[in-house]
């Protein structure tokens, strides 16, 4: 299935498993200091959950007076595979992935 295109907010930091925590902290500093934002949202899925929590804790320690609201949900992802040979049925696999949103 094609992915839905989701518009990213300016206050949102999407954490990936490959990204560095220091880059996310730098982005948060830019949001708070240069862009005068009062809040930000950190989102992550799957293997990046621990990195998102670490990022949130460092940001709370670095910028005093912040509070957090954490939302943890499971998202069902459906993969559909088409067969290489003729006459076979499509295979559909549904997996559940954990997602976190920290405001």
PDB file of N, CA and C in Angstrom:
ATOM      1  N   UNK A   1       0.834  -1.183   0.000  1.00  0.00           N
ATOM      2  CA  UNK A   1       0.000   0.000   0.000  1.00  0.00           C
ATOM      3  C   UNK A   1       0.878   1.246   0.000  1.00  0.00           C
ATOM      4  N   UNK A   2       0.446   2.297  -0.649  1.00  0.00           N
ATOM      5  CA  UNK A   2       1.232   3.527  -0.602  1.00  0.00           C
ATOM      6  C   UNK A   2       1.122   4.185   0.771  1.00  0.00           C
ATOM      7  N   UNK A   3       2.188   4.830   1.165  1.00  0.00           N
ATOM      8  CA  UNK A   3       2.199   5.510   2.455  1.00  0.00           C
ATOM      9  C   UNK A   3       1.401   6.798   2.382  1.00  0.00           C
ATOM     10  N   UNK A   4       0.762   7.133   3.501  1.00  0.00           N
ATOM     11  CA  UNK A   4       0.101   8.429   3.571  1.00  0.00           C
ATOM     12  C   UNK A   4       1.162   9.481   3.855  1.00  0.00           C
ATOM     13  N   UNK A   5       1.065  10.608   3.183  1.00  0.00           N
ATOM     14  CA  UNK A   5       2.020  11.687   3.431  1.00  0.00           C
ATOM     15  C   UNK A   5       1.502  12.526   4.592  1.00  0.00           C
ATOM     16  N   UNK A   6       2.312  12.616   5.633  1.00  0.00           N
ATOM     17  CA  UNK A   6       1.954  13.363   6.824  1.00  0.00           C
ATOM     18  C   UNK A   6       2.803  14.627   6.855  1.00  0.00           C
ATOM     19  N   UNK A   7       2.146  15.759   7.035  1.00  0.00           N
ATOM     20  CA  UNK A   7       2.866  17.022   7.083  1.00  0.00           C
ATOM     21  C   UNK A   7       3.521  17.154   8.448  1.00  0.00           C
ATOM     22  N   UNK A   8       4.804  17.474   8.463  1.00  0.00           N
ATOM     23  CA  UNK A   8       5.567  17.600   9.707  1.00  0.00           C
ATOM     24  C   UNK A   8       5.426  19.013  10.254  1.00  0.00           C
ATOM     25  N   UNK A   9       5.094  19.101  11.541  1.00  0.00           N
ATOM     26  CA  UNK A   9       5.006  20.404  12.189  1.00  0.00           C
ATOM     27  C   UNK A   9       6.400  20.964  12.399  1.00  0.00           C
ATOM     28  N   UNK A  10       6.465  22.293  12.548  1.00  0.00           N
ATOM     29  CA  UNK A  10       7.756  22.937  12.791  1.00  0.00           C
ATOM     30  C   UNK A  10       8.302  22.577  14.167  1.00  0.00           C
ATOM     31  N   UNK A  11       7.403  22.306  15.117  1.00  0.00           N
ATOM     32  CA  UNK A  11       7.815  21.986  16.487  1.00  0.00           C
ATOM     33  C   UNK A  11       8.118  20.511  16.679  1.00  0.00           C
ATOM     34  N   UNK A  12       8.015  19.702  15.634  1.00  0.00           N
ATOM     35  CA  UNK A  12       8.172  18.259  15.767  1.00  0.00           C
ATOM     36  C   UNK A  12       9.601  17.823  15.464  1.00  0.00           C
ATOM     37  N   UNK A  13      10.121  16.941  16.322  1.00  0.00           N
ATOM     38  CA  UNK A  13      11.419  16.308  16.096  1.00  0.00           C
ATOM     39  C   UNK A  13      11.144  14.822  15.938  1.00  0.00           C
ATOM     40  N   UNK A  14      11.417  14.281  14.760  1.00  0.00           N
ATOM     41  CA  UNK A  14      11.216  12.854  14.512  1.00  0.00           C
ATOM     42  C   UNK A  14      12.532  12.126  14.739  1.00  0.00           C
ATOM     43  N   UNK A  15      12.538  11.285  15.746  1.00  0.00           N
ATOM     44  CA  UNK A  15      13.746  10.574  16.145  1.00  0.00           C
ATOM     45  C   UNK A  15      13.818   9.250  15.383  1.00  0.00           C
ATOM     46  N   UNK A  16      14.990   8.962  14.827  1.00  0.00           N
ATOM     47  CA  UNK A  16      15.219   7.691  14.145  1.00  0.00           C
ATOM     48  C   UNK A  16      16.301   6.917  14.890  1.00  0.00           C
ATOM     49  N   UNK A  17      16.383   5.641  14.625  1.00  0.00           N
ATOM     50  CA  UNK A  17      17.383   4.804  15.287  1.00  0.00           C
ATOM     51  C   UNK A  17      18.792   5.154  14.825  1.00  0.00           C
ATOM     52  N   UNK A  18      18.926   5.717  13.620  1.00  0.00           N
ATOM     53  CA  UNK A  18      20.246   6.030  13.074  1.00  0.00           C
ATOM     54  C   UNK A  18      20.720   7.436  13.440  1.00  0.00           C
ATOM     55  N   UNK A  19      19.814   8.313  13.870  1.00  0.00           N
ATOM     56  CA  UNK A  19      20.185   9.696  14.172  1.00  0.00           C
ATOM     57  C   UNK A  19      20.944   9.813  15.480  1.00  0.00           C
ATOM     58  N   UNK A  20      21.606  10.951  15.665  1.00  0.00           N
ATOM     59  CA  UNK A  20      22.369  11.168  16.896  1.00  0.00           C
ATOM     60  C   UNK A  20      21.571  12.053  17.855  1.00  0.00           C
ATOM     61  N   UNK A  21      21.690  11.734  19.139  1.00  0.00           N
ATOM     62  CA  UNK A  21      20.971  12.481  20.161  1.00  0.00           C
ATOM     63  C   UNK A  21      21.419  13.940  20.160  1.00  0.00           C
ATOM     64  N   UNK A  22      22.703  14.180  19.926  1.00  0.00           N
ATOM     65  CA  UNK A  22      23.206  15.561  19.944  1.00  0.00           C
ATOM     66  C   UNK A  22      22.576  16.404  18.835  1.00  0.00           C
ATOM     67  N   UNK A  23      22.273  15.807  17.693  1.00  0.00           N
ATOM     68  CA  UNK A  23      21.612  16.547  16.616  1.00  0.00           C
ATOM     69  C   UNK A  23      20.196  16.929  17.021  1.00  0.00           C
ATOM     70  N   UNK A  24      19.513  16.037  17.728  1.00  0.00           N
ATOM     71  CA  UNK A  24      18.154  16.335  18.188  1.00  0.00           C
ATOM     72  C   UNK A  24      18.173  17.419  19.271  1.00  0.00           C
ATOM     73  N   UNK A  25      19.187  17.400  20.126  1.00  0.00           N
ATOM     74  CA  UNK A  25      19.325  18.431  21.162  1.00  0.00           C
ATOM     75  C   UNK A  25      19.594  19.785  20.503  1.00  0.00           C
ATOM     76  N   UNK A  26      20.425  19.793  19.470  1.00  0.00           N
ATOM     77  CA  UNK A  26      20.710  21.040  18.747  1.00  0.00           C
ATOM     78  C   UNK A  26      19.449  21.599  18.108  1.00  0.00           C
ATOM     79  N   UNK A  27      18.632  20.729  17.547  1.00  0.00           N
ATOM     80  CA  UNK A  27      17.368  21.167  16.945  1.00  0.00           C
ATOM     81  C   UNK A  27      16.446  21.752  18.009  1.00  0.00           C
ATOM     82  N   UNK A  28      16.393  21.130  19.172  1.00  0.00           N
ATOM     83  CA  UNK A  28      15.563  21.641  20.264  1.00  0.00           C
ATOM     84  C   UNK A  28      16.061  23.002  20.729  1.00  0.00           C
ATOM     85  N   UNK A  29      17.385  23.173  20.825  1.00  0.00           N
ATOM     86  CA  UNK A  29      17.951  24.463  21.223  1.00  0.00           C
ATOM     87  C   UNK A  29      17.592  25.543  20.207  1.00  0.00           C
ATOM     88  N   UNK A  30      17.621  25.196  18.940  1.00  0.00           N
ATOM     89  CA  UNK A  30      17.249  26.149  17.903  1.00  0.00           C
ATOM     90  C   UNK A  30      15.775  26.531  18.019  1.00  0.00           C
ATOM     91  N   UNK A  31      14.921  25.547  18.292  1.00  0.00           N
ATOM     92  CA  UNK A  31      13.494  25.833  18.441  1.00  0.00           C
ATOM     93  C   UNK A  31      13.224  26.748  19.625  1.00  0.00           C
ATOM     94  N   UNK A  32      13.847  26.463  20.767  1.00  0.00           N
ATOM     95  CA  UNK A  32      13.578  27.247  21.967  1.00  0.00           C
ATOM     96  C   UNK A  32      14.247  28.621  21.931  1.00  0.00           C
ATOM     97  N   UNK A  33      15.501  28.692  21.489  1.00  0.00           N
ATOM     98  CA  UNK A  33      16.248  29.945  21.572  1.00  0.00           C
ATOM     99  C   UNK A  33      16.011  30.864  20.373  1.00  0.00           C
ATOM    100  N   UNK A  34      16.199  30.359  19.160  1.00  0.00           N
ATOM    101  CA  UNK A  34      16.120  31.213  17.980  1.00  0.00           C
ATOM    102  C   UNK A  34      14.688  31.423  17.491  1.00  0.00           C
ATOM    103  N   UNK A  35      13.867  30.361  17.542  1.00  0.00           N
ATOM    104  CA  UNK A  35      12.528  30.452  16.990  1.00  0.00           C
ATOM    105  C   UNK A  35      11.469  30.775  18.043  1.00  0.00           C
ATOM    106  N   UNK A  36      11.873  30.914  19.300  1.00  0.00           N
ATOM    107  CA  UNK A  36      10.994  31.298  20.418  1.00  0.00           C
ATOM    108  C   UNK A  36       9.754  30.408  20.551  1.00  0.00           C
ATOM    109  N   UNK A  37       9.932  29.108  20.371  1.00  0.00           N
ATOM    110  CA  UNK A  37       8.824  28.171  20.553  1.00  0.00           C
ATOM    111  C   UNK A  37       8.683  27.864  22.040  1.00  0.00           C
ATOM    112  N   UNK A  38       7.446  27.600  22.479  1.00  0.00           N
ATOM    113  CA  UNK A  38       7.208  27.308  23.895  1.00  0.00           C
ATOM    114  C   UNK A  38       7.119  25.807  24.168  1.00  0.00           C
ATOM    115  N   UNK A  39       6.952  24.999  23.113  1.00  0.00           N
ATOM    116  CA  UNK A  39       6.885  23.552  23.286  1.00  0.00           C
ATOM    117  C   UNK A  39       7.442  22.883  22.042  1.00  0.00           C
ATOM    118  N   UNK A  40       7.733  21.590  22.164  1.00  0.00           N
ATOM    119  CA  UNK A  40       8.106  20.788  21.008  1.00  0.00           C
ATOM    120  C   UNK A  40       7.585  19.385  21.214  1.00  0.00           C
ATOM    121  N   UNK A  41       7.503  18.638  20.124  1.00  0.00           N
ATOM    122  CA  UNK A  41       7.003  17.269  20.160  1.00  0.00           C
ATOM    123  C   UNK A  41       8.075  16.340  19.607  1.00  0.00           C
ATOM    124  N   UNK A  42       8.400  15.311  20.379  1.00  0.00           N
ATOM    125  CA  UNK A  42       9.371  14.307  19.951  1.00  0.00           C
ATOM    126  C   UNK A  42       8.586  13.051  19.616  1.00  0.00           C
ATOM    127  N   UNK A  43       8.742  12.537  18.388  1.00  0.00           N
ATOM    128  CA  UNK A  43       8.041  11.321  17.987  1.00  0.00           C
ATOM    129  C   UNK A  43       9.052  10.270  17.537  1.00  0.00           C
ATOM    130  N   UNK A  44       8.735   9.009  17.815  1.00  0.00           N
ATOM    131  CA  UNK A  44       9.618   7.904  17.417  1.00  0.00           C
ATOM    132  C   UNK A  44       8.804   6.628  17.329  1.00  0.00           C
ATOM    133  N   UNK A  45       9.307   5.680  16.551  1.00  0.00           N
ATOM    134  CA  UNK A  45       8.681   4.361  16.448  1.00  0.00           C
ATOM    135  C   UNK A  45       9.758   3.281  16.525  1.00  0.00           C
ATOM    136  N   UNK A  46       9.351   2.106  16.950  1.00  0.00           N
ATOM    137  CA  UNK A  46      10.224   0.936  16.911  1.00  0.00           C
ATOM    138  C   UNK A  46      11.490   1.057  17.737  1.00  0.00           C
ATOM    139  N   UNK A  47      12.625   0.836  17.077  1.00  0.00           N
ATOM    140  CA  UNK A  47      13.920   0.816  17.759  1.00  0.00           C
ATOM    141  C   UNK A  47      14.374   2.191  18.237  1.00  0.00           C
ATOM    142  N   UNK A  48      13.723   3.259  17.811  1.00  0.00           N
ATOM    143  CA  UNK A  48      14.132   4.605  18.194  1.00  0.00           C
ATOM    144  C   UNK A  48      13.476   5.084  19.486  1.00  0.00           C
ATOM    145  N   UNK A  49      12.679   4.241  20.134  1.00  0.00           N
ATOM    146  CA  UNK A  49      11.970   4.664  21.350  1.00  0.00           C
ATOM    147  C   UNK A  49      12.933   5.075  22.459  1.00  0.00           C
ATOM    148  N   UNK A  50      13.966   4.282  22.690  1.00  0.00           N
ATOM    149  CA  UNK A  50      14.901   4.603  23.775  1.00  0.00           C
ATOM    150  C   UNK A  50      15.648   5.897  23.489  1.00  0.00           C
ATOM    151  N   UNK A  51      15.974   6.128  22.226  1.00  0.00           N
ATOM    152  CA  UNK A  51      16.673   7.358  21.855  1.00  0.00           C
ATOM    153  C   UNK A  51      15.769   8.578  22.049  1.00  0.00           C
ATOM    154  N   UNK A  52      14.475   8.418  21.805  1.00  0.00           N
ATOM    155  CA  UNK A  52      13.525   9.517  22.009  1.00  0.00           C
ATOM    156  C   UNK A  52      13.404   9.866  23.490  1.00  0.00           C
ATOM    157  N   UNK A  53      13.355   8.845  24.344  1.00  0.00           N
ATOM    158  CA  UNK A  53      13.270   9.081  25.792  1.00  0.00           C
ATOM    159  C   UNK A  53      14.541   9.756  26.289  1.00  0.00           C
ATOM    160  N   UNK A  54      15.695   9.303  25.814  1.00  0.00           N
ATOM    161  CA  UNK A  54      16.970   9.923  26.198  1.00  0.00           C
ATOM    162  C   UNK A  54      17.003  11.383  25.761  1.00  0.00           C
ATOM    163  N   UNK A  55      16.560  11.655  24.540  1.00  0.00           N
ATOM    164  CA  UNK A  55      16.532  13.022  24.033  1.00  0.00           C
ATOM    165  C   UNK A  55      15.638  13.899  24.897  1.00  0.00           C
ATOM    166  N   UNK A  56      14.465  13.395  25.254  1.00  0.00           N
ATOM    167  CA  UNK A  56      13.538  14.170  26.081  1.00  0.00           C
ATOM    168  C   UNK A  56      14.129  14.471  27.452  1.00  0.00           C
ATOM    169  N   UNK A  57      14.802  13.497  28.047  1.00  0.00           N
ATOM    170  CA  UNK A  57      15.391  13.703  29.375  1.00  0.00           C
ATOM    171  C   UNK A  57      16.518  14.741  29.322  1.00  0.00           C
ATOM    172  N   UNK A  58      17.342  14.699  28.292  1.00  0.00           N
ATOM    173  CA  UNK A  58      18.435  15.674  28.162  1.00  0.00           C
ATOM    174  C   UNK A  58      17.859  17.073  27.934  1.00  0.00           C
ATOM    175  N   UNK A  59      16.823  17.178  27.113  1.00  0.00           N
ATOM    176  CA  UNK A  59      16.203  18.485  26.845  1.00  0.00           C
ATOM    177  C   UNK A  59      15.588  19.045  28.121  1.00  0.00           C
ATOM    178  N   UNK A  60      14.919  18.186  28.913  1.00  0.00           N
ATOM    179  CA  UNK A  60      14.330  18.662  30.174  1.00  0.00           C
ATOM    180  C   UNK A  60      15.391  19.140  31.148  1.00  0.00           C
ATOM    181  N   UNK A  61      16.542  18.490  31.146  1.00  0.00           N
ATOM    182  CA  UNK A  61      17.619  18.894  32.043  1.00  0.00           C
ATOM    183  C   UNK A  61      18.284  20.184  31.577  1.00  0.00           C
ATOM    184  N   UNK A  62      18.412  20.352  30.267  1.00  0.00           N
ATOM    185  CA  UNK A  62      19.100  21.513  29.716  1.00  0.00           C
ATOM    186  C   UNK A  62      18.246  22.779  29.741  1.00  0.00           C
ATOM    187  N   UNK A  63      16.939  22.631  29.502  1.00  0.00           N
ATOM    188  CA  UNK A  63      16.023  23.777  29.485  1.00  0.00           C
ATOM    189  C   UNK A  63      15.085  23.641  30.673  1.00  0.00           C
ATOM    190  N   UNK A  64      15.331  24.437  31.705  1.00  0.00           N
ATOM    191  CA  UNK A  64      14.594  24.316  32.958  1.00  0.00           C
ATOM    192  C   UNK A  64      13.138  24.770  32.787  1.00  0.00           C
ATOM    193  N   UNK A  65      12.266  24.197  33.607  1.00  0.00           N
ATOM    194  CA  UNK A  65      10.864  24.598  33.627  1.00  0.00           C
ATOM    195  C   UNK A  65       9.992  23.871  32.620  1.00  0.00           C
ATOM    196  N   UNK A  66      10.491  22.829  31.977  1.00  0.00           N
ATOM    197  CA  UNK A  66       9.693  22.079  31.004  1.00  0.00           C
ATOM    198  C   UNK A  66       8.986  20.914  31.697  1.00  0.00           C
ATOM    199  N   UNK A  67       7.828  20.578  31.186  1.00  0.00           N
ATOM    200  CA  UNK A  67       7.091  19.407  31.649  1.00  0.00           C
ATOM    201  C   UNK A  67       6.811  18.538  30.435  1.00  0.00           C
ATOM    202  N   UNK A  68       6.558  17.264  30.668  1.00  0.00           N
ATOM    203  CA  UNK A  68       6.318  16.393  29.524  1.00  0.00           C
ATOM    204  C   UNK A  68       5.016  15.639  29.659  1.00  0.00           C
ATOM    205  N   UNK A  69       4.386  15.411  28.518  1.00  0.00           N
ATOM    206  CA  UNK A  69       3.215  14.556  28.407  1.00  0.00           C
ATOM    207  C   UNK A  69       3.594  13.468  27.413  1.00  0.00           C
ATOM    208  N   UNK A  70       3.564  12.226  27.859  1.00  0.00           N
ATOM    209  CA  UNK A  70       3.996  11.111  27.024  1.00  0.00           C
ATOM    210  C   UNK A  70       2.789  10.296  26.584  1.00  0.00           C
ATOM    211  N   UNK A  71       2.726  10.030  25.291  1.00  0.00           N
ATOM    212  CA  UNK A  71       1.663   9.191  24.740  1.00  0.00           C
ATOM    213  C   UNK A  71       2.318   8.002  24.054  1.00  0.00           C
ATOM    214  N   UNK A  72       1.976   6.803  24.510  1.00  0.00           N
ATOM    215  CA  UNK A  72       2.540   5.573  23.959  1.00  0.00           C
ATOM    216  C   UNK A  72       1.410   4.783  23.315  1.00  0.00           C
ATOM    217  N   UNK A  73       1.542   4.474  22.019  1.00  0.00           N
ATOM    218  CA  UNK A  73       0.492   3.765  21.291  1.00  0.00           C
ATOM    219  C   UNK A  73       1.109   2.641  20.459  1.00  0.00           C
ATOM    220  N   UNK A  74       0.276   1.699  20.046  1.00  0.00           N
ATOM    221  CA  UNK A  74       0.672   0.663  19.099  1.00  0.00           C
ATOM    222  C   UNK A  74       0.041   0.970  17.760  1.00  0.00           C
ATOM    223  N   UNK A  75       0.825   0.853  16.710  1.00  0.00           N
ATOM    224  CA  UNK A  75       0.341   1.133  15.369  1.00  0.00           C
ATOM    225  C   UNK A  75       0.436  -0.158  14.559  1.00  0.00           C
ATOM    226  N   UNK A  76      -0.650  -0.528  13.894  1.00  0.00           N
ATOM    227  CA  UNK A  76      -0.650  -1.725  13.064  1.00  0.00           C
ATOM    228  C   UNK A  76      -0.183  -1.360  11.658  1.00  0.00           C
ATOM    229  N   UNK A  77       0.819  -2.070  11.182  1.00  0.00           N
ATOM    230  CA  UNK A  77       1.370  -1.848   9.850  1.00  0.00           C
ATOM    231  C   UNK A  77       1.081  -3.079   9.019  1.00  0.00           C
ATOM    232  N   UNK A  78       0.506  -2.853   7.848  1.00  0.00           N
ATOM    233  CA  UNK A  78       0.120  -3.958   6.978  1.00  0.00           C
ATOM    234  C   UNK A  78       1.010  -3.962   5.744  1.00  0.00           C
ATOM    235  N   UNK A  79       1.749  -5.054   5.553  1.00  0.00           N
ATOM    236  CA  UNK A  79       2.606  -5.226   4.378  1.00  0.00           C
ATOM    237  C   UNK A  79       1.936  -6.206   3.434  1.00  0.00           C
ATOM    238  N   UNK A  80       1.920  -5.865   2.142  1.00  0.00           N
ATOM    239  CA  UNK A  80       1.348  -6.761   1.144  1.00  0.00           C
ATOM    240  C   UNK A  80       2.429  -7.116   0.130  1.00  0.00           C
ATOM    241  N   UNK A  81       2.629  -8.405  -0.057  1.00  0.00           N
ATOM    242  CA  UNK A  81       3.659  -8.888  -0.965  1.00  0.00           C
ATOM    243  C   UNK A  81       3.008  -9.527  -2.181  1.00  0.00           C
ATOM    244  N   UNK A  82       3.518  -9.175  -3.356  1.00  0.00           N
ATOM    245  CA  UNK A  82       3.039  -9.789  -4.590  1.00  0.00           C
ATOM    246  C   UNK A  82       3.976 -10.934  -4.957  1.00  0.00           C
ATOM    247  N   UNK A  83       3.428 -12.064  -5.425  1.00  0.00           N
ATOM    248  CA  UNK A  83       4.277 -13.217  -5.747  1.00  0.00           C
ATOM    249  C   UNK A  83       5.078 -12.985  -7.023  1.00  0.00           C
ATOM    250  N   UNK A  84       6.231 -13.638  -7.110  1.00  0.00           N
ATOM    251  CA  UNK A  84       7.064 -13.542  -8.302  1.00  0.00           C
ATOM    252  C   UNK A  84       6.540 -14.440  -9.417  1.00  0.00           C
ATOM    253  N   UNK A  85       5.869 -15.525  -9.040  1.00  0.00           N
ATOM    254  CA  UNK A  85       5.348 -16.463 -10.027  1.00  0.00           C
ATOM    255  C   UNK A  85       3.864 -16.200 -10.270  1.00  0.00           C
ATOM    256  N   UNK A  86       3.385 -16.575 -11.429  1.00  0.00           N
ATOM    257  CA  UNK A  86       1.972 -16.411 -11.782  1.00  0.00           C
ATOM    258  C   UNK A  86       1.119 -17.423 -11.024  1.00  0.00           C
ATOM    259  N   UNK A  87      -0.111 -17.048 -10.739  1.00  0.00           N
ATOM    260  CA  UNK A  87      -1.063 -17.978 -10.156  1.00  0.00           C
ATOM    261  C   UNK A  87      -1.049 -18.073  -8.640  1.00  0.00           C
ATOM    262  N   UNK A  88      -0.143 -17.378  -7.978  1.00  0.00           N
ATOM    263  CA  UNK A  88      -0.095 -17.412  -6.512  1.00  0.00           C
ATOM    264  C   UNK A  88      -0.836 -16.200  -5.945  1.00  0.00           C
ATOM    265  N   UNK A  89      -1.334 -16.343  -4.724  1.00  0.00           N
ATOM    266  CA  UNK A  89      -2.071 -15.261  -4.077  1.00  0.00           C
ATOM    267  C   UNK A  89      -1.108 -14.259  -3.450  1.00  0.00           C
ATOM    268  N   UNK A  90      -1.604 -13.029  -3.286  1.00  0.00           N
ATOM    269  CA  UNK A  90      -0.834 -12.015  -2.564  1.00  0.00           C
ATOM    270  C   UNK A  90      -0.786 -12.387  -1.086  1.00  0.00           C
ATOM    271  N   UNK A  91       0.327 -12.116  -0.448  1.00  0.00           N
ATOM    272  CA  UNK A  91       0.497 -12.409   0.974  1.00  0.00           C
ATOM    273  C   UNK A  91       0.431 -11.091   1.736  1.00  0.00           C
ATOM    274  N   UNK A  92      -0.438 -11.056   2.755  1.00  0.00           N
ATOM    275  CA  UNK A  92      -0.580  -9.861   3.583  1.00  0.00           C
ATOM    276  C   UNK A  92      -0.105 -10.185   4.990  1.00  0.00           C
ATOM    277  N   UNK A  93       0.779  -9.321   5.499  1.00  0.00           N
ATOM    278  CA  UNK A  93       1.327  -9.519   6.846  1.00  0.00           C
ATOM    279  C   UNK A  93       1.036  -8.265   7.662  1.00  0.00           C
ATOM    280  N   UNK A  94       0.463  -8.442   8.841  1.00  0.00           N
ATOM    281  CA  UNK A  94       0.167  -7.318   9.734  1.00  0.00           C
ATOM    282  C   UNK A  94       1.061  -7.430  10.950  1.00  0.00           C
ATOM    283  N   UNK A  95       1.756  -6.333  11.261  1.00  0.00           N
ATOM    284  CA  UNK A  95       2.617  -6.329  12.444  1.00  0.00           C
ATOM    285  C   UNK A  95       2.297  -5.101  13.273  1.00  0.00           C
ATOM    286  N   UNK A  96       2.539  -5.212  14.546  1.00  0.00           N
ATOM    287  CA  UNK A  96       2.257  -4.130  15.481  1.00  0.00           C
ATOM    288  C   UNK A  96       3.579  -3.457  15.862  1.00  0.00           C
ATOM    289  N   UNK A  97       3.606  -2.124  15.801  1.00  0.00           N
ATOM    290  CA  UNK A  97       4.811  -1.387  16.122  1.00  0.00           C
ATOM    291  C   UNK A  97       4.503  -0.334  17.184  1.00  0.00           C
ATOM    292  N   UNK A  98       5.346  -0.240  18.183  1.00  0.00           N
ATOM    293  CA  UNK A  98       5.158   0.738  19.250  1.00  0.00           C
ATOM    294  C   UNK A  98       5.586   2.127  18.776  1.00  0.00           C
ATOM    295  N   UNK A  99       4.802   3.138  19.161  1.00  0.00           N
ATOM    296  CA  UNK A  99       5.105   4.524  18.803  1.00  0.00           C
ATOM    297  C   UNK A  99       5.016   5.371  20.082  1.00  0.00           C
ATOM    298  N   UNK A 100       5.865   6.388  20.160  1.00  0.00           N
ATOM    299  CA  UNK A 100       5.855   7.275  21.320  1.00  0.00           C
ATOM    300  C   UNK A 100       5.788   8.716  20.841  1.00  0.00           C
ATOM    301  N   UNK A 101       5.059   9.531  21.591  1.00  0.00           N
ATOM    302  CA  UNK A 101       4.992  10.954  21.321  1.00  0.00           C
ATOM    303  C   UNK A 101       5.183  11.677  22.650  1.00  0.00           C
ATOM    304  N   UNK A 102       6.206  12.498  22.735  1.00  0.00           N
ATOM    305  CA  UNK A 102       6.518  13.230  23.966  1.00  0.00           C
ATOM    306  C   UNK A 102       6.360  14.702  23.683  1.00  0.00           C
ATOM    307  N   UNK A 103       5.468  15.355  24.427  1.00  0.00           N
ATOM    308  CA  UNK A 103       5.247  16.799  24.276  1.00  0.00           C
ATOM    309  C   UNK A 103       5.838  17.519  25.444  1.00  0.00           C
TER     310      UNK A 103
END
